[in-house]
PDB file of all heavy atoms in Angstrom:
ATOM      1  N   GLN A   1     -64.640  25.159  88.341  1.00  0.00           N
ATOM      2  CA  GLN A   1     -65.704  26.088  88.685  1.00  0.00           C
ATOM      3  C   GLN A   1     -65.283  26.857  89.928  1.00  0.00           C
ATOM      4  O   GLN A   1     -64.797  26.253  90.897  1.00  0.00           O
ATOM      5  CB  GLN A   1     -67.008  25.343  88.957  1.00  0.00           C
ATOM      6  CG  GLN A   1     -67.618  24.691  87.731  1.00  0.00           C
ATOM      7  CD  GLN A   1     -69.032  24.207  88.006  1.00  0.00           C
ATOM      8  OE1 GLN A   1     -69.895  24.963  88.435  1.00  0.00           O
ATOM      9  NE2 GLN A   1     -69.275  22.936  87.774  1.00  0.00           N
ATOM     10  N   VAL A   2     -65.478  28.167  89.900  1.00  0.00           N
ATOM     11  CA  VAL A   2     -65.081  28.998  91.035  1.00  0.00           C
ATOM     12  C   VAL A   2     -66.258  29.865  91.483  1.00  0.00           C
ATOM     13  O   VAL A   2     -67.109  30.252  90.680  1.00  0.00           O
ATOM     14  CB  VAL A   2     -63.875  29.906  90.699  1.00  0.00           C
ATOM     15  CG1 VAL A   2     -62.625  29.091  90.457  1.00  0.00           C
ATOM     16  CG2 VAL A   2     -64.178  30.803  89.503  1.00  0.00           C
ATOM     17  N   ALA A   3     -66.307  30.141  92.774  1.00  0.00           N
ATOM     18  CA  ALA A   3     -67.301  31.045  93.351  1.00  0.00           C
ATOM     19  C   ALA A   3     -66.587  31.886  94.396  1.00  0.00           C
ATOM     20  O   ALA A   3     -65.701  31.399  95.107  1.00  0.00           O
ATOM     21  CB  ALA A   3     -68.458  30.277  93.975  1.00  0.00           C
ATOM     22  N   GLU A   4     -66.975  33.144  94.493  1.00  0.00           N
ATOM     23  CA  GLU A   4     -66.275  34.069  95.385  1.00  0.00           C
ATOM     24  C   GLU A   4     -67.221  34.654  96.427  1.00  0.00           C
ATOM     25  O   GLU A   4     -68.392  34.910  96.142  1.00  0.00           O
ATOM     26  CB  GLU A   4     -65.660  35.200  94.557  1.00  0.00           C
ATOM     27  CG  GLU A   4     -64.674  36.072  95.310  1.00  0.00           C
ATOM     28  CD  GLU A   4     -63.949  37.029  94.381  1.00  0.00           C
ATOM     29  OE1 GLU A   4     -63.670  36.642  93.227  1.00  0.00           O
ATOM     30  OE2 GLU A   4     -63.666  38.162  94.819  1.00  0.00           O
ATOM     31  N   GLY A   5     -66.711  34.829  97.647  1.00  0.00           N
ATOM     32  CA  GLY A   5     -67.539  35.389  98.709  1.00  0.00           C
ATOM     33  C   GLY A   5     -66.720  35.778  99.920  1.00  0.00           C
ATOM     34  O   GLY A   5     -65.494  35.922  99.845  1.00  0.00           O
ATOM     35  N   ASP A   6     -67.420  35.921 101.050  1.00  0.00           N
ATOM     36  CA  ASP A   6     -66.789  36.367 102.291  1.00  0.00           C
ATOM     37  C   ASP A   6     -67.155  35.406 103.419  1.00  0.00           C
ATOM     38  O   ASP A   6     -68.309  35.002 103.555  1.00  0.00           O
ATOM     39  CB  ASP A   6     -67.283  37.779 102.634  1.00  0.00           C
ATOM     40  CG  ASP A   6     -66.681  38.299 103.927  1.00  0.00           C
ATOM     41  OD1 ASP A   6     -67.217  37.966 105.006  1.00  0.00           O
ATOM     42  OD2 ASP A   6     -65.688  39.036 103.874  1.00  0.00           O
ATOM     43  N   ILE A   7     -66.155  35.020 104.209  1.00  0.00           N
ATOM     44  CA  ILE A   7     -66.380  34.176 105.380  1.00  0.00           C
ATOM     45  C   ILE A   7     -65.699  34.826 106.572  1.00  0.00           C
ATOM     46  O   ILE A   7     -64.472  34.944 106.607  1.00  0.00           O
ATOM     47  CB  ILE A   7     -65.834  32.744 105.184  1.00  0.00           C
ATOM     48  CG1 ILE A   7     -66.545  32.048 104.028  1.00  0.00           C
ATOM     49  CG2 ILE A   7     -65.995  31.927 106.469  1.00  0.00           C
ATOM     50  CD1 ILE A   7     -66.043  30.633 103.756  1.00  0.00           C
ATOM     51  N   GLY A   8     -66.483  35.254 107.535  1.00  0.00           N
ATOM     52  CA  GLY A   8     -65.930  35.859 108.745  1.00  0.00           C
ATOM     53  C   GLY A   8     -65.069  37.070 108.496  1.00  0.00           C
ATOM     54  O   GLY A   8     -64.096  37.312 109.219  1.00  0.00           O
ATOM     55  N   GLY A   9     -65.388  37.846 107.447  1.00  0.00           N
ATOM     56  CA  GLY A   9     -64.611  39.041 107.140  1.00  0.00           C
ATOM     57  C   GLY A   9     -63.424  38.812 106.235  1.00  0.00           C
ATOM     58  O   GLY A   9     -62.709  39.760 105.903  1.00  0.00           O
ATOM     59  N   SER A  10     -63.188  37.559 105.831  1.00  0.00           N
ATOM     60  CA  SER A  10     -62.075  37.240 104.928  1.00  0.00           C
ATOM     61  C   SER A  10     -62.597  36.911 103.529  1.00  0.00           C
ATOM     62  O   SER A  10     -63.606  36.220 103.385  1.00  0.00           O
ATOM     63  CB  SER A  10     -61.270  36.044 105.452  1.00  0.00           C
ATOM     64  OG  SER A  10     -60.673  36.345 106.688  1.00  0.00           O
ATOM     65  N   LYS A  11     -61.928  37.402 102.520  1.00  0.00           N
ATOM     66  CA  LYS A  11     -62.295  37.109 101.147  1.00  0.00           C
ATOM     67  C   LYS A  11     -61.873  35.675 100.819  1.00  0.00           C
ATOM     68  O   LYS A  11     -60.731  35.281 101.065  1.00  0.00           O
ATOM     69  CB  LYS A  11     -61.610  38.095 100.200  1.00  0.00           C
ATOM     70  CG  LYS A  11     -62.162  38.088  98.778  1.00  0.00           C
ATOM     71  CD  LYS A  11     -61.552  39.216  97.956  1.00  0.00           C
ATOM     72  CE  LYS A  11     -62.144  39.262  96.560  1.00  0.00           C
ATOM     73  NZ  LYS A  11     -61.540  40.365  95.759  1.00  0.00           N
ATOM     74  N   VAL A  12     -62.809  34.900 100.277  1.00  0.00           N
ATOM     75  CA  VAL A  12     -62.552  33.479 100.031  1.00  0.00           C
ATOM     76  C   VAL A  12     -62.998  33.109  98.620  1.00  0.00           C
ATOM     77  O   VAL A  12     -64.068  33.509  98.163  1.00  0.00           O
ATOM     78  CB  VAL A  12     -63.304  32.590 101.049  1.00  0.00           C
ATOM     79  CG1 VAL A  12     -63.087  31.111 100.738  1.00  0.00           C
ATOM     80  CG2 VAL A  12     -62.843  32.903 102.473  1.00  0.00           C
ATOM     81  N   LEU A  13     -62.154  32.343  97.947  1.00  0.00           N
ATOM     82  CA  LEU A  13     -62.482  31.781  96.636  1.00  0.00           C
ATOM     83  C   LEU A  13     -62.623  30.272  96.814  1.00  0.00           C
ATOM     84  O   LEU A  13     -61.744  29.623  97.387  1.00  0.00           O
ATOM     85  CB  LEU A  13     -61.373  32.093  95.628  1.00  0.00           C
ATOM     86  CG  LEU A  13     -61.688  31.817  94.152  1.00  0.00           C
ATOM     87  CD1 LEU A  13     -62.688  32.840  93.628  1.00  0.00           C
ATOM     88  CD2 LEU A  13     -60.407  31.861  93.320  1.00  0.00           C
ATOM     89  N   VAL A  14     -63.746  29.718  96.350  1.00  0.00           N
ATOM     90  CA  VAL A  14     -63.964  28.270  96.419  1.00  0.00           C
ATOM     91  C   VAL A  14     -63.810  27.700  95.011  1.00  0.00           C
ATOM     92  O   VAL A  14     -64.379  28.229  94.050  1.00  0.00           O
ATOM     93  CB  VAL A  14     -65.353  27.932  96.990  1.00  0.00           C
ATOM     94  CG1 VAL A  14     -65.616  26.424  96.906  1.00  0.00           C
ATOM     95  CG2 VAL A  14     -65.455  28.388  98.438  1.00  0.00           C
ATOM     96  N   LEU A  15     -63.045  26.625  94.901  1.00  0.00           N
ATOM     97  CA  LEU A  15     -62.743  26.019  93.604  1.00  0.00           C
ATOM     98  C   LEU A  15     -63.124  24.542  93.594  1.00  0.00           C
ATOM     99  O   LEU A  15     -62.825  23.816  94.533  1.00  0.00           O
ATOM    100  CB  LEU A  15     -61.240  26.152  93.302  1.00  0.00           C
ATOM    101  CG  LEU A  15     -60.687  25.322  92.131  1.00  0.00           C
ATOM    102  CD1 LEU A  15     -61.198  25.853  90.796  1.00  0.00           C
ATOM    103  CD2 LEU A  15     -59.157  25.322  92.151  1.00  0.00           C
ATOM    104  N   LYS A  16     -63.770  24.115  92.497  1.00  0.00           N
ATOM    105  CA  LYS A  16     -63.998  22.697  92.219  1.00  0.00           C
ATOM    106  C   LYS A  16     -63.295  22.376  90.890  1.00  0.00           C
ATOM    107  O   LYS A  16     -63.826  22.694  89.823  1.00  0.00           O
ATOM    108  CB  LYS A  16     -65.491  22.380  92.112  1.00  0.00           C
ATOM    109  CG  LYS A  16     -66.260  22.581  93.401  1.00  0.00           C
ATOM    110  CD  LYS A  16     -67.677  21.986  93.338  1.00  0.00           C
ATOM    111  CE  LYS A  16     -68.540  22.646  92.303  1.00  0.00           C
ATOM    112  NZ  LYS A  16     -69.928  22.107  92.311  1.00  0.00           N
ATOM    113  N   PRO A  17     -62.093  21.790  90.926  1.00  0.00           N
ATOM    114  CA  PRO A  17     -61.386  21.468  89.683  1.00  0.00           C
ATOM    115  C   PRO A  17     -62.199  20.493  88.826  1.00  0.00           C
ATOM    116  O   PRO A  17     -62.797  19.556  89.349  1.00  0.00           O
ATOM    117  CB  PRO A  17     -60.090  20.807  90.177  1.00  0.00           C
ATOM    118  CG  PRO A  17     -59.934  21.286  91.585  1.00  0.00           C
ATOM    119  CD  PRO A  17     -61.326  21.413  92.118  1.00  0.00           C
ATOM    120  N   GLU A  18     -62.207  20.723  87.525  1.00  0.00           N
ATOM    121  CA  GLU A  18     -62.929  19.829  86.610  1.00  0.00           C
ATOM    122  C   GLU A  18     -61.963  19.102  85.672  1.00  0.00           C
ATOM    123  O   GLU A  18     -62.318  18.725  84.562  1.00  0.00           O
ATOM    124  CB  GLU A  18     -63.963  20.626  85.821  1.00  0.00           C
ATOM    125  CG  GLU A  18     -65.094  21.161  86.705  1.00  0.00           C
ATOM    126  CD  GLU A  18     -66.257  21.703  85.902  1.00  0.00           C
ATOM    127  OE1 GLU A  18     -66.000  22.426  84.912  1.00  0.00           O
ATOM    128  OE2 GLU A  18     -67.416  21.398  86.253  1.00  0.00           O
ATOM    129  N   THR A  19     -60.752  18.895  86.148  1.00  0.00           N
ATOM    130  CA  THR A  19     -59.720  18.212  85.367  1.00  0.00           C
ATOM    131  C   THR A  19     -59.753  16.705  85.604  1.00  0.00           C
ATOM    132  O   THR A  19     -58.912  15.991  85.075  1.00  0.00           O
ATOM    133  CB  THR A  19     -58.343  18.726  85.789  1.00  0.00           C
ATOM    134  OG1 THR A  19     -58.234  18.577  87.218  1.00  0.00           O
ATOM    135  CG2 THR A  19     -58.168  20.182  85.434  1.00  0.00           C
ATOM    136  N   PHE A  20     -60.700  16.242  86.421  1.00  0.00           N
ATOM    137  CA  PHE A  20     -60.715  14.906  87.016  1.00  0.00           C
ATOM    138  C   PHE A  20     -59.662  14.866  88.118  1.00  0.00           C
ATOM    139  O   PHE A  20     -58.685  15.614  88.120  1.00  0.00           O
ATOM    140  CB  PHE A  20     -60.516  13.786  85.983  1.00  0.00           C
ATOM    141  CG  PHE A  20     -61.758  13.557  85.159  1.00  0.00           C
ATOM    142  CD1 PHE A  20     -61.927  14.194  83.934  1.00  0.00           C
ATOM    143  CD2 PHE A  20     -62.776  12.736  85.631  1.00  0.00           C
ATOM    144  CE1 PHE A  20     -63.074  13.997  83.195  1.00  0.00           C
ATOM    145  CE2 PHE A  20     -63.925  12.540  84.895  1.00  0.00           C
ATOM    146  CZ  PHE A  20     -64.086  13.180  83.678  1.00  0.00           C
ATOM    147  N   MET A  21     -59.906  13.989  89.073  1.00  0.00           N
ATOM    148  CA  MET A  21     -59.151  13.977  90.320  1.00  0.00           C
ATOM    149  C   MET A  21     -57.638  13.952  90.121  1.00  0.00           C
ATOM    150  O   MET A  21     -56.900  14.705  90.765  1.00  0.00           O
ATOM    151  CB  MET A  21     -59.578  12.769  91.165  1.00  0.00           C
ATOM    152  CG  MET A  21     -58.970  12.719  92.540  1.00  0.00           C
ATOM    153  SD  MET A  21     -59.615  13.979  93.661  1.00  0.00           S
ATOM    154  CE  MET A  21     -61.187  13.248  94.124  1.00  0.00           C
ATOM    155  N   ASN A  22     -57.171  13.100  89.215  1.00  0.00           N
ATOM    156  CA  ASN A  22     -55.723  12.890  89.067  1.00  0.00           C
ATOM    157  C   ASN A  22     -54.957  14.115  88.585  1.00  0.00           C
ATOM    158  O   ASN A  22     -53.730  14.166  88.700  1.00  0.00           O
ATOM    159  CB  ASN A  22     -55.460  11.734  88.095  1.00  0.00           C
ATOM    160  CG  ASN A  22     -55.957  10.414  88.640  1.00  0.00           C
ATOM    161  OD1 ASN A  22     -56.598  10.370  89.688  1.00  0.00           O
ATOM    162  ND2 ASN A  22     -55.673   9.335  87.936  1.00  0.00           N
ATOM    163  N   LEU A  23     -55.670  15.114  88.040  1.00  0.00           N
ATOM    164  CA  LEU A  23     -55.011  16.314  87.512  1.00  0.00           C
ATOM    165  C   LEU A  23     -55.456  17.572  88.250  1.00  0.00           C
ATOM    166  O   LEU A  23     -55.331  18.685  87.725  1.00  0.00           O
ATOM    167  CB  LEU A  23     -55.299  16.451  86.004  1.00  0.00           C
ATOM    168  CG  LEU A  23     -54.844  15.283  85.119  1.00  0.00           C
ATOM    169  CD1 LEU A  23     -55.294  15.502  83.683  1.00  0.00           C
ATOM    170  CD2 LEU A  23     -53.334  15.101  85.184  1.00  0.00           C
ATOM    171  N   SER A  24     -55.952  17.420  89.465  1.00  0.00           N
ATOM    172  CA  SER A  24     -56.483  18.557  90.225  1.00  0.00           C
ATOM    173  C   SER A  24     -55.472  19.682  90.387  1.00  0.00           C
ATOM    174  O   SER A  24     -55.827  20.866  90.401  1.00  0.00           O
ATOM    175  CB  SER A  24     -56.932  18.094  91.612  1.00  0.00           C
ATOM    176  OG  SER A  24     -57.962  17.139  91.530  1.00  0.00           O
ATOM    177  N   GLY A  25     -54.199  19.347  90.504  1.00  0.00           N
ATOM    178  CA  GLY A  25     -53.158  20.351  90.726  1.00  0.00           C
ATOM    179  C   GLY A  25     -53.031  21.358  89.602  1.00  0.00           C
ATOM    180  O   GLY A  25     -52.599  22.496  89.832  1.00  0.00           O
ATOM    181  N   GLN A  26     -53.394  20.977  88.382  1.00  0.00           N
ATOM    182  CA  GLN A  26     -53.317  21.912  87.255  1.00  0.00           C
ATOM    183  C   GLN A  26     -54.259  23.086  87.473  1.00  0.00           C
ATOM    184  O   GLN A  26     -53.894  24.247  87.276  1.00  0.00           O
ATOM    185  CB  GLN A  26     -53.671  21.189  85.951  1.00  0.00           C
ATOM    186  CG  GLN A  26     -52.695  20.117  85.541  1.00  0.00           C
ATOM    187  CD  GLN A  26     -53.091  19.438  84.240  1.00  0.00           C
ATOM    188  OE1 GLN A  26     -54.073  19.825  83.597  1.00  0.00           O
ATOM    189  NE2 GLN A  26     -52.340  18.434  83.843  1.00  0.00           N
ATOM    190  N   SER A  27     -55.485  22.774  87.882  1.00  0.00           N
ATOM    191  CA  SER A  27     -56.488  23.808  88.126  1.00  0.00           C
ATOM    192  C   SER A  27     -56.102  24.670  89.325  1.00  0.00           C
ATOM    193  O   SER A  27     -56.169  25.909  89.273  1.00  0.00           O
ATOM    194  CB  SER A  27     -57.858  23.160  88.361  1.00  0.00           C
ATOM    195  OG  SER A  27     -58.839  24.110  88.703  1.00  0.00           O
ATOM    196  N   VAL A  28     -55.698  24.033  90.420  1.00  0.00           N
ATOM    197  CA  VAL A  28     -55.306  24.763  91.631  1.00  0.00           C
ATOM    198  C   VAL A  28     -54.127  25.688  91.336  1.00  0.00           C
ATOM    199  O   VAL A  28     -54.099  26.853  91.756  1.00  0.00           O
ATOM    200  CB  VAL A  28     -54.951  23.797  92.779  1.00  0.00           C
ATOM    201  CG1 VAL A  28     -54.463  24.560  94.005  1.00  0.00           C
ATOM    202  CG2 VAL A  28     -56.163  22.936  93.144  1.00  0.00           C
ATOM    203  N   GLY A  29     -53.160  25.186  90.576  1.00  0.00           N
ATOM    204  CA  GLY A  29     -51.981  25.984  90.242  1.00  0.00           C
ATOM    205  C   GLY A  29     -52.336  27.241  89.460  1.00  0.00           C
ATOM    206  O   GLY A  29     -51.750  28.314  89.692  1.00  0.00           O
ATOM    207  N   GLU A  30     -53.275  27.152  88.540  1.00  0.00           N
ATOM    208  CA  GLU A  30     -53.690  28.320  87.760  1.00  0.00           C
ATOM    209  C   GLU A  30     -54.281  29.404  88.660  1.00  0.00           C
ATOM    210  O   GLU A  30     -54.003  30.592  88.497  1.00  0.00           O
ATOM    211  CB  GLU A  30     -54.716  27.910  86.693  1.00  0.00           C
ATOM    212  CG  GLU A  30     -54.116  27.190  85.498  1.00  0.00           C
ATOM    213  CD  GLU A  30     -55.099  27.103  84.343  1.00  0.00           C
ATOM    214  OE1 GLU A  30     -56.019  27.947  84.269  1.00  0.00           O
ATOM    215  OE2 GLU A  30     -54.938  26.195  83.505  1.00  0.00           O
ATOM    216  N   VAL A  31     -55.104  28.993  89.619  1.00  0.00           N
ATOM    217  CA  VAL A  31     -55.713  29.957  90.540  1.00  0.00           C
ATOM    218  C   VAL A  31     -54.644  30.637  91.385  1.00  0.00           C
ATOM    219  O   VAL A  31     -54.657  31.866  91.560  1.00  0.00           O
ATOM    220  CB  VAL A  31     -56.752  29.261  91.450  1.00  0.00           C
ATOM    221  CG1 VAL A  31     -57.303  30.244  92.478  1.00  0.00           C
ATOM    222  CG2 VAL A  31     -57.896  28.684  90.628  1.00  0.00           C
ATOM    223  N   LEU A  32     -53.717  29.867  91.914  1.00  0.00           N
ATOM    224  CA  LEU A  32     -52.673  30.435  92.777  1.00  0.00           C
ATOM    225  C   LEU A  32     -51.824  31.453  92.022  1.00  0.00           C
ATOM    226  O   LEU A  32     -51.486  32.521  92.549  1.00  0.00           O
ATOM    227  CB  LEU A  32     -51.784  29.325  93.331  1.00  0.00           C
ATOM    228  CG  LEU A  32     -52.437  28.298  94.257  1.00  0.00           C
ATOM    229  CD1 LEU A  32     -51.376  27.386  94.869  1.00  0.00           C
ATOM    230  CD2 LEU A  32     -53.237  28.968  95.356  1.00  0.00           C
TER     231      LEU A  32
END
């Protein structure tokens, strides 16, 4: 799940991977 916004003038994307903890890197890698 992703949400997008602004913090202190910087564009920020917040991510909660739903792959379960052990596979979190798969989700993070796709975003990057």
